[in-house]
Structure formats: C-alpha cells, structure tokens
C-alpha cells in the first residue's frame, strides 16, 4: 500500500472553499482521467475536512451577548435556529 502524501492546507477558509469548488467543477466536467479524478477527489476530501474544522471552530467562538436584568452582559453559546 503506498504511503499517503501529506497535504498542504490552504492559507485560509476562503481559499480552501474556492479550491474545493474548482475541484468539484473539474470532476463534474469529466474532462480529466480516472487517476487524476481520484487524486483530486482525495484533495477535495482533505479540503472538506479542513473547511469543516474551520467552521466548527468559528461556531464555538460565536457567542450571543445578552443583557441581564441588572444591566450586565453575559455570554452564552449561540443556539442553532429551530426549524
């Protein structure tokens, strides 16, 4: 079994998302060979994991500030909207 190559992460979320969208478009066009498609699919999986991790971290950092009855502010985690 060949050793896995270490993937270089994108500089930021936006760059990762842009590269992911480009890879998806290239694969969907069907103009690249099977081996190239498999390599790009592997890169796409890496980018997807990277982007999800960035979003998860951002979600943890988002807090909702609300005023208490005495005028003080306290932070609470942002809750997901109800469907």
PDB file of N, CA and C in Angstrom:
ATOM      1  N   UNK A   1       0.852  -1.176   0.000  1.00  0.00           N
ATOM      2  CA  UNK A   1       0.000   0.000   0.000  1.00  0.00           C
ATOM      3  C   UNK A   1       0.899   1.240   0.000  1.00  0.00           C
ATOM      4  N   UNK A   2       0.681   2.187  -0.923  1.00  0.00           N
ATOM      5  CA  UNK A   2       1.528   3.368  -0.974  1.00  0.00           C
ATOM      6  C   UNK A   2       1.284   4.282   0.222  1.00  0.00           C
ATOM      7  N   UNK A   3       2.359   4.972   0.622  1.00  0.00           N
ATOM      8  CA  UNK A   3       2.238   5.903   1.742  1.00  0.00           C
ATOM      9  C   UNK A   3       1.414   7.110   1.322  1.00  0.00           C
ATOM     10  N   UNK A   4       0.626   7.620   2.266  1.00  0.00           N
ATOM     11  CA  UNK A   4      -0.193   8.810   1.986  1.00  0.00           C
ATOM     12  C   UNK A   4       0.694  10.028   1.915  1.00  0.00           C
ATOM     13  N   UNK A   5       0.422  10.886   0.964  1.00  0.00           N
ATOM     14  CA  UNK A   5       1.138  12.146   0.853  1.00  0.00           C
ATOM     15  C   UNK A   5       0.571  13.118   1.878  1.00  0.00           C
ATOM     16  N   UNK A   6       1.447  13.949   2.411  1.00  0.00           N
ATOM     17  CA  UNK A   6       0.989  14.994   3.314  1.00  0.00           C
ATOM     18  C   UNK A   6       0.418  16.123   2.475  1.00  0.00           C
ATOM     19  N   UNK A   7      -0.793  16.509   2.788  1.00  0.00           N
ATOM     20  CA  UNK A   7      -1.473  17.565   2.034  1.00  0.00           C
ATOM     21  C   UNK A   7      -1.168  18.914   2.675  1.00  0.00           C
ATOM     22  N   UNK A   8      -0.930  19.891   1.849  1.00  0.00           N
ATOM     23  CA  UNK A   8      -0.711  21.254   2.334  1.00  0.00           C
ATOM     24  C   UNK A   8      -2.067  21.928   2.532  1.00  0.00           C
ATOM     25  N   UNK A   9      -2.305  22.457   3.720  1.00  0.00           N
ATOM     26  CA  UNK A   9      -3.588  23.140   3.941  1.00  0.00           C
ATOM     27  C   UNK A   9      -3.625  24.472   3.194  1.00  0.00           C
ATOM     28  N   UNK A  10      -4.810  24.935   2.860  1.00  0.00           N
ATOM     29  CA  UNK A  10      -4.927  26.248   2.231  1.00  0.00           C
ATOM     30  C   UNK A  10      -4.561  27.346   3.222  1.00  0.00           C
ATOM     31  N   UNK A  11      -4.339  28.555   2.708  1.00  0.00           N
ATOM     32  CA  UNK A  11      -3.965  29.681   3.564  1.00  0.00           C
ATOM     33  C   UNK A  11      -5.095  30.082   4.496  1.00  0.00           C
ATOM     34  N   UNK A  12      -6.349  29.934   4.020  1.00  0.00           N
ATOM     35  CA  UNK A  12      -7.495  30.325   4.829  1.00  0.00           C
ATOM     36  C   UNK A  12      -8.739  29.590   4.329  1.00  0.00           C
ATOM     37  N   UNK A  13      -9.835  29.792   5.019  1.00  0.00           N
ATOM     38  CA  UNK A  13     -11.090  29.120   4.685  1.00  0.00           C
ATOM     39  C   UNK A  13     -11.541  29.428   3.259  1.00  0.00           C
ATOM     40  N   UNK A  14     -11.503  30.704   2.897  1.00  0.00           N
ATOM     41  CA  UNK A  14     -11.982  31.114   1.573  1.00  0.00           C
ATOM     42  C   UNK A  14     -11.179  30.457   0.459  1.00  0.00           C
ATOM     43  N   UNK A  15      -9.856  30.383   0.638  1.00  0.00           N
ATOM     44  CA  UNK A  15      -9.012  29.742  -0.368  1.00  0.00           C
ATOM     45  C   UNK A  15      -9.329  28.248  -0.459  1.00  0.00           C
ATOM     46  N   UNK A  16      -9.546  27.627   0.682  1.00  0.00           N
ATOM     47  CA  UNK A  16      -9.894  26.206   0.703  1.00  0.00           C
ATOM     48  C   UNK A  16     -11.217  25.932   0.025  1.00  0.00           C
ATOM     49  N   UNK A  17     -12.208  26.765   0.296  1.00  0.00           N
ATOM     50  CA  UNK A  17     -13.518  26.598  -0.315  1.00  0.00           C
ATOM     51  C   UNK A  17     -13.449  26.815  -1.819  1.00  0.00           C
ATOM     52  N   UNK A  18     -12.688  27.821  -2.247  1.00  0.00           N
ATOM     53  CA  UNK A  18     -12.531  28.099  -3.674  1.00  0.00           C
ATOM     54  C   UNK A  18     -11.876  26.914  -4.388  1.00  0.00           C
ATOM     55  N   UNK A  19     -10.813  26.379  -3.795  1.00  0.00           N
ATOM     56  CA  UNK A  19     -10.136  25.224  -4.407  1.00  0.00           C
ATOM     57  C   UNK A  19     -11.072  24.013  -4.456  1.00  0.00           C
ATOM     58  N   UNK A  20     -11.831  23.822  -3.403  1.00  0.00           N
ATOM     59  CA  UNK A  20     -12.785  22.709  -3.364  1.00  0.00           C
ATOM     60  C   UNK A  20     -13.823  22.838  -4.478  1.00  0.00           C
ATOM     61  N   UNK A  21     -14.355  24.041  -4.672  1.00  0.00           N
ATOM     62  CA  UNK A  21     -15.332  24.272  -5.742  1.00  0.00           C
ATOM     63  C   UNK A  21     -14.715  24.027  -7.123  1.00  0.00           C
ATOM     64  N   UNK A  22     -13.467  24.420  -7.302  1.00  0.00           N
ATOM     65  CA  UNK A  22     -12.787  24.203  -8.585  1.00  0.00           C
ATOM     66  C   UNK A  22     -12.609  22.711  -8.862  1.00  0.00           C
ATOM     67  N   UNK A  23     -12.224  21.964  -7.834  1.00  0.00           N
ATOM     68  CA  UNK A  23     -12.031  20.520  -7.995  1.00  0.00           C
ATOM     69  C   UNK A  23     -13.351  19.847  -8.360  1.00  0.00           C
ATOM     70  N   UNK A  24     -14.409  20.225  -7.679  1.00  0.00           N
ATOM     71  CA  UNK A  24     -15.720  19.631  -7.965  1.00  0.00           C
ATOM     72  C   UNK A  24     -16.128  19.911  -9.413  1.00  0.00           C
ATOM     73  N   UNK A  25     -15.925  21.143  -9.863  1.00  0.00           N
ATOM     74  CA  UNK A  25     -16.274  21.504 -11.239  1.00  0.00           C
ATOM     75  C   UNK A  25     -15.449  20.685 -12.233  1.00  0.00           C
ATOM     76  N   UNK A  26     -14.162  20.514 -11.966  1.00  0.00           N
ATOM     77  CA  UNK A  26     -13.299  19.751 -12.872  1.00  0.00           C
ATOM     78  C   UNK A  26     -13.743  18.294 -12.962  1.00  0.00           C
ATOM     79  N   UNK A  27     -14.072  17.706 -11.835  1.00  0.00           N
ATOM     80  CA  UNK A  27     -14.508  16.310 -11.831  1.00  0.00           C
ATOM     81  C   UNK A  27     -15.847  16.172 -12.542  1.00  0.00           C
ATOM     82  N   UNK A  28     -16.780  17.107 -12.271  1.00  0.00           N
ATOM     83  CA  UNK A  28     -18.101  17.044 -12.898  1.00  0.00           C
ATOM     84  C   UNK A  28     -18.040  17.222 -14.408  1.00  0.00           C
ATOM     85  N   UNK A  29     -17.068  18.024 -14.904  1.00  0.00           N
ATOM     86  CA  UNK A  29     -16.918  18.214 -16.345  1.00  0.00           C
ATOM     87  C   UNK A  29     -16.516  16.915 -17.041  1.00  0.00           C
ATOM     88  N   UNK A  30     -15.832  16.034 -16.322  1.00  0.00           N
ATOM     89  CA  UNK A  30     -15.447  14.750 -16.886  1.00  0.00           C
ATOM     90  C   UNK A  30     -14.326  14.821 -17.902  1.00  0.00           C
ATOM     91  N   UNK A  31     -13.569  15.901 -17.907  1.00  0.00           N
ATOM     92  CA  UNK A  31     -12.506  16.073 -18.897  1.00  0.00           C
ATOM     93  C   UNK A  31     -11.144  15.613 -18.392  1.00  0.00           C
ATOM     94  N   UNK A  32     -11.089  15.088 -17.180  1.00  0.00           N
ATOM     95  CA  UNK A  32      -9.833  14.586 -16.647  1.00  0.00           C
ATOM     96  C   UNK A  32      -9.934  13.082 -16.493  1.00  0.00           C
ATOM     97  N   UNK A  33      -8.796  12.417 -16.541  1.00  0.00           N
ATOM     98  CA  UNK A  33      -8.769  10.971 -16.467  1.00  0.00           C
ATOM     99  C   UNK A  33      -9.127  10.441 -15.094  1.00  0.00           C
ATOM    100  N   UNK A  34      -9.264   9.130 -15.032  1.00  0.00           N
ATOM    101  CA  UNK A  34      -9.670   8.464 -13.798  1.00  0.00           C
ATOM    102  C   UNK A  34      -8.663   8.699 -12.677  1.00  0.00           C
ATOM    103  N   UNK A  35      -7.378   8.482 -12.956  1.00  0.00           N
ATOM    104  CA  UNK A  35      -6.365   8.646 -11.910  1.00  0.00           C
ATOM    105  C   UNK A  35      -6.318  10.087 -11.400  1.00  0.00           C
ATOM    106  N   UNK A  36      -6.398  11.040 -12.313  1.00  0.00           N
ATOM    107  CA  UNK A  36      -6.412  12.453 -11.917  1.00  0.00           C
ATOM    108  C   UNK A  36      -7.664  12.756 -11.097  1.00  0.00           C
ATOM    109  N   UNK A  37      -8.790  12.196 -11.488  1.00  0.00           N
ATOM    110  CA  UNK A  37     -10.036  12.389 -10.735  1.00  0.00           C
ATOM    111  C   UNK A  37      -9.903  11.854  -9.314  1.00  0.00           C
ATOM    112  N   UNK A  38      -9.268  10.692  -9.180  1.00  0.00           N
ATOM    113  CA  UNK A  38      -9.084  10.104  -7.857  1.00  0.00           C
ATOM    114  C   UNK A  38      -8.154  10.960  -6.989  1.00  0.00           C
ATOM    115  N   UNK A  39      -7.097  11.491  -7.587  1.00  0.00           N
ATOM    116  CA  UNK A  39      -6.189  12.368  -6.842  1.00  0.00           C
ATOM    117  C   UNK A  39      -6.912  13.640  -6.406  1.00  0.00           C
ATOM    118  N   UNK A  40      -7.699  14.192  -7.297  1.00  0.00           N
ATOM    119  CA  UNK A  40      -8.420  15.424  -6.955  1.00  0.00           C
ATOM    120  C   UNK A  40      -9.516  15.152  -5.924  1.00  0.00           C
ATOM    121  N   UNK A  41     -10.116  13.980  -6.005  1.00  0.00           N
ATOM    122  CA  UNK A  41     -11.138  13.622  -5.027  1.00  0.00           C
ATOM    123  C   UNK A  41     -10.510  13.499  -3.643  1.00  0.00           C
ATOM    124  N   UNK A  42      -9.302  12.951  -3.577  1.00  0.00           N
ATOM    125  CA  UNK A  42      -8.591  12.856  -2.298  1.00  0.00           C
ATOM    126  C   UNK A  42      -8.288  14.257  -1.753  1.00  0.00           C
ATOM    127  N   UNK A  43      -7.856  15.160  -2.631  1.00  0.00           N
ATOM    128  CA  UNK A  43      -7.595  16.539  -2.214  1.00  0.00           C
ATOM    129  C   UNK A  43      -8.897  17.202  -1.746  1.00  0.00           C
ATOM    130  N   UNK A  44      -9.985  16.934  -2.462  1.00  0.00           N
ATOM    131  CA  UNK A  44     -11.284  17.511  -2.102  1.00  0.00           C
ATOM    132  C   UNK A  44     -11.709  17.036  -0.711  1.00  0.00           C
ATOM    133  N   UNK A  45     -11.483  15.783  -0.392  1.00  0.00           N
ATOM    134  CA  UNK A  45     -11.828  15.272   0.941  1.00  0.00           C
ATOM    135  C   UNK A  45     -11.014  15.984   2.011  1.00  0.00           C
ATOM    136  N   UNK A  46      -9.728  16.193   1.732  1.00  0.00           N
ATOM    137  CA  UNK A  46      -8.874  16.908   2.675  1.00  0.00           C
ATOM    138  C   UNK A  46      -9.386  18.332   2.885  1.00  0.00           C
ATOM    139  N   UNK A  47      -9.714  19.011   1.788  1.00  0.00           N
ATOM    140  CA  UNK A  47     -10.202  20.391   1.876  1.00  0.00           C
ATOM    141  C   UNK A  47     -11.533  20.459   2.611  1.00  0.00           C
ATOM    142  N   UNK A  48     -12.391  19.493   2.377  1.00  0.00           N
ATOM    143  CA  UNK A  48     -13.680  19.452   3.061  1.00  0.00           C
ATOM    144  C   UNK A  48     -13.480  19.311   4.567  1.00  0.00           C
ATOM    145  N   UNK A  49     -12.580  18.430   4.984  1.00  0.00           N
ATOM    146  CA  UNK A  49     -12.291  18.271   6.406  1.00  0.00           C
ATOM    147  C   UNK A  49     -11.712  19.566   6.985  1.00  0.00           C
ATOM    148  N   UNK A  50     -10.830  20.206   6.233  1.00  0.00           N
ATOM    149  CA  UNK A  50     -10.234  21.464   6.680  1.00  0.00           C
ATOM    150  C   UNK A  50     -11.320  22.525   6.876  1.00  0.00           C
ATOM    151  N   UNK A  51     -12.179  22.691   5.867  1.00  0.00           N
ATOM    152  CA  UNK A  51     -13.227  23.720   5.932  1.00  0.00           C
ATOM    153  C   UNK A  51     -14.203  23.436   7.072  1.00  0.00           C
ATOM    154  N   UNK A  52     -14.555  22.182   7.258  1.00  0.00           N
ATOM    155  CA  UNK A  52     -15.451  21.830   8.368  1.00  0.00           C
ATOM    156  C   UNK A  52     -14.825  22.155   9.712  1.00  0.00           C
ATOM    157  N   UNK A  53     -13.522  21.888   9.847  1.00  0.00           N
ATOM    158  CA  UNK A  53     -12.831  22.179  11.101  1.00  0.00           C
ATOM    159  C   UNK A  53     -12.822  23.683  11.371  1.00  0.00           C
ATOM    160  N   UNK A  54     -12.590  24.475  10.321  1.00  0.00           N
ATOM    161  CA  UNK A  54     -12.593  25.931  10.489  1.00  0.00           C
ATOM    162  C   UNK A  54     -13.983  26.407  10.902  1.00  0.00           C
ATOM    163  N   UNK A  55     -15.019  25.883  10.262  1.00  0.00           N
ATOM    164  CA  UNK A  55     -16.391  26.268  10.602  1.00  0.00           C
ATOM    165  C   UNK A  55     -16.750  25.842  12.024  1.00  0.00           C
ATOM    166  N   UNK A  56     -16.328  24.644  12.418  1.00  0.00           N
ATOM    167  CA  UNK A  56     -16.608  24.169  13.774  1.00  0.00           C
ATOM    168  C   UNK A  56     -15.951  25.088  14.803  1.00  0.00           C
ATOM    169  N   UNK A  57     -14.711  25.480  14.524  1.00  0.00           N
ATOM    170  CA  UNK A  57     -14.006  26.374  15.446  1.00  0.00           C
ATOM    171  C   UNK A  57     -14.703  27.733  15.515  1.00  0.00           C
ATOM    172  N   UNK A  58     -15.124  28.240  14.372  1.00  0.00           N
ATOM    173  CA  UNK A  58     -15.822  29.533  14.343  1.00  0.00           C
ATOM    174  C   UNK A  58     -17.134  29.448  15.117  1.00  0.00           C
ATOM    175  N   UNK A  59     -17.838  28.359  14.952  1.00  0.00           N
ATOM    176  CA  UNK A  59     -19.111  28.184  15.657  1.00  0.00           C
ATOM    177  C   UNK A  59     -18.905  28.185  17.168  1.00  0.00           C
ATOM    178  N   UNK A  60     -17.825  27.566  17.616  1.00  0.00           N
ATOM    179  CA  UNK A  60     -17.530  27.541  19.044  1.00  0.00           C
ATOM    180  C   UNK A  60     -17.210  28.932  19.566  1.00  0.00           C
ATOM    181  N   UNK A  61     -16.652  29.784  18.716  1.00  0.00           N
ATOM    182  CA  UNK A  61     -16.258  31.121  19.146  1.00  0.00           C
ATOM    183  C   UNK A  61     -17.408  32.120  19.129  1.00  0.00           C
ATOM    184  N   UNK A  62     -18.443  31.810  18.365  1.00  0.00           N
ATOM    185  CA  UNK A  62     -19.581  32.732  18.300  1.00  0.00           C
ATOM    186  C   UNK A  62     -20.372  32.638  19.597  1.00  0.00           C
ATOM    187  N   UNK A  63     -20.581  33.760  20.181  1.00  0.00           N
ATOM    188  CA  UNK A  63     -21.365  33.788  21.405  1.00  0.00           C
ATOM    189  C   UNK A  63     -22.399  34.894  21.297  1.00  0.00           C
ATOM    190  N   UNK A  64     -23.485  34.655  21.925  1.00  0.00           N
ATOM    191  CA  UNK A  64     -24.562  35.621  21.941  1.00  0.00           C
ATOM    192  C   UNK A  64     -24.484  36.433  23.222  1.00  0.00           C
ATOM    193  N   UNK A  65     -24.354  37.743  23.073  1.00  0.00           N
ATOM    194  CA  UNK A  65     -24.335  38.612  24.252  1.00  0.00           C
ATOM    195  C   UNK A  65     -25.766  39.029  24.563  1.00  0.00           C
ATOM    196  N   UNK A  66     -26.119  38.884  25.782  1.00  0.00           N
ATOM    197  CA  UNK A  66     -27.464  39.301  26.170  1.00  0.00           C
ATOM    198  C   UNK A  66     -27.399  40.055  27.496  1.00  0.00           C
ATOM    199  N   UNK A  67     -28.300  40.983  27.656  1.00  0.00           N
ATOM    200  CA  UNK A  67     -28.322  41.817  28.862  1.00  0.00           C
ATOM    201  C   UNK A  67     -29.131  41.125  29.950  1.00  0.00           C
ATOM    202  N   UNK A  68     -28.552  41.114  31.138  1.00  0.00           N
ATOM    203  CA  UNK A  68     -29.254  40.574  32.296  1.00  0.00           C
ATOM    204  C   UNK A  68     -30.144  41.680  32.868  1.00  0.00           C
ATOM    205  N   UNK A  69     -30.998  41.328  33.792  1.00  0.00           N
ATOM    206  CA  UNK A  69     -31.919  42.288  34.390  1.00  0.00           C
ATOM    207  C   UNK A  69     -31.226  43.467  35.056  1.00  0.00           C
ATOM    208  N   UNK A  70     -30.025  43.263  35.562  1.00  0.00           N
ATOM    209  CA  UNK A  70     -29.307  44.350  36.239  1.00  0.00           C
ATOM    210  C   UNK A  70     -28.442  45.175  35.286  1.00  0.00           C
ATOM    211  N   UNK A  71     -28.541  44.933  33.988  1.00  0.00           N
ATOM    212  CA  UNK A  71     -27.792  45.708  33.001  1.00  0.00           C
ATOM    213  C   UNK A  71     -26.436  45.137  32.646  1.00  0.00           C
ATOM    214  N   UNK A  72     -26.002  44.073  33.315  1.00  0.00           N
ATOM    215  CA  UNK A  72     -24.718  43.460  32.981  1.00  0.00           C
ATOM    216  C   UNK A  72     -24.882  42.567  31.750  1.00  0.00           C
ATOM    217  N   UNK A  73     -23.769  42.327  31.090  1.00  0.00           N
ATOM    218  CA  UNK A  73     -23.785  41.454  29.916  1.00  0.00           C
ATOM    219  C   UNK A  73     -23.176  40.115  30.283  1.00  0.00           C
ATOM    220  N   UNK A  74     -23.710  39.072  29.698  1.00  0.00           N
ATOM    221  CA  UNK A  74     -23.100  37.757  29.871  1.00  0.00           C
ATOM    222  C   UNK A  74     -23.107  37.055  28.521  1.00  0.00           C
ATOM    223  N   UNK A  75     -22.161  36.169  28.351  1.00  0.00           N
ATOM    224  CA  UNK A  75     -22.026  35.456  27.076  1.00  0.00           C
ATOM    225  C   UNK A  75     -22.656  34.077  27.202  1.00  0.00           C
ATOM    226  N   UNK A  76     -23.317  33.668  26.148  1.00  0.00           N
ATOM    227  CA  UNK A  76     -23.915  32.341  26.087  1.00  0.00           C
ATOM    228  C   UNK A  76     -23.681  31.798  24.685  1.00  0.00           C
ATOM    229  N   UNK A  77     -23.509  30.497  24.563  1.00  0.00           N
ATOM    230  CA  UNK A  77     -23.322  29.928  23.228  1.00  0.00           C
ATOM    231  C   UNK A  77     -24.515  30.224  22.332  1.00  0.00           C
ATOM    232  N   UNK A  78     -24.239  30.446  21.063  1.00  0.00           N
ATOM    233  CA  UNK A  78     -25.284  30.693  20.082  1.00  0.00           C
ATOM    234  C   UNK A  78     -25.982  29.388  19.788  1.00  0.00           C
ATOM    235  N   UNK A  79     -27.291  29.374  19.914  1.00  0.00           N
ATOM    236  CA  UNK A  79     -28.044  28.145  19.663  1.00  0.00           C
ATOM    237  C   UNK A  79     -28.482  28.099  18.209  1.00  0.00           C
ATOM    238  N   UNK A  80     -28.556  26.899  17.688  1.00  0.00           N
ATOM    239  CA  UNK A  80     -28.983  26.703  16.310  1.00  0.00           C
ATOM    240  C   UNK A  80     -30.459  27.105  16.195  1.00  0.00           C
ATOM    241  N   UNK A  81     -30.841  27.734  15.075  1.00  0.00           N
ATOM    242  CA  UNK A  81     -32.239  28.108  14.897  1.00  0.00           C
ATOM    243  C   UNK A  81     -33.136  26.881  14.801  1.00  0.00           C
ATOM    244  N   UNK A  82     -34.330  27.002  15.333  1.00  0.00           N
ATOM    245  CA  UNK A  82     -35.288  25.907  15.296  1.00  0.00           C
ATOM    246  C   UNK A  82     -35.980  25.892  13.931  1.00  0.00           C
ATOM    247  N   UNK A  83     -36.123  24.710  13.329  1.00  0.00           N
ATOM    248  CA  UNK A  83     -36.795  24.625  12.007  1.00  0.00           C
ATOM    249  C   UNK A  83     -38.269  24.935  12.078  1.00  0.00           C
TER     250      UNK A  83
END
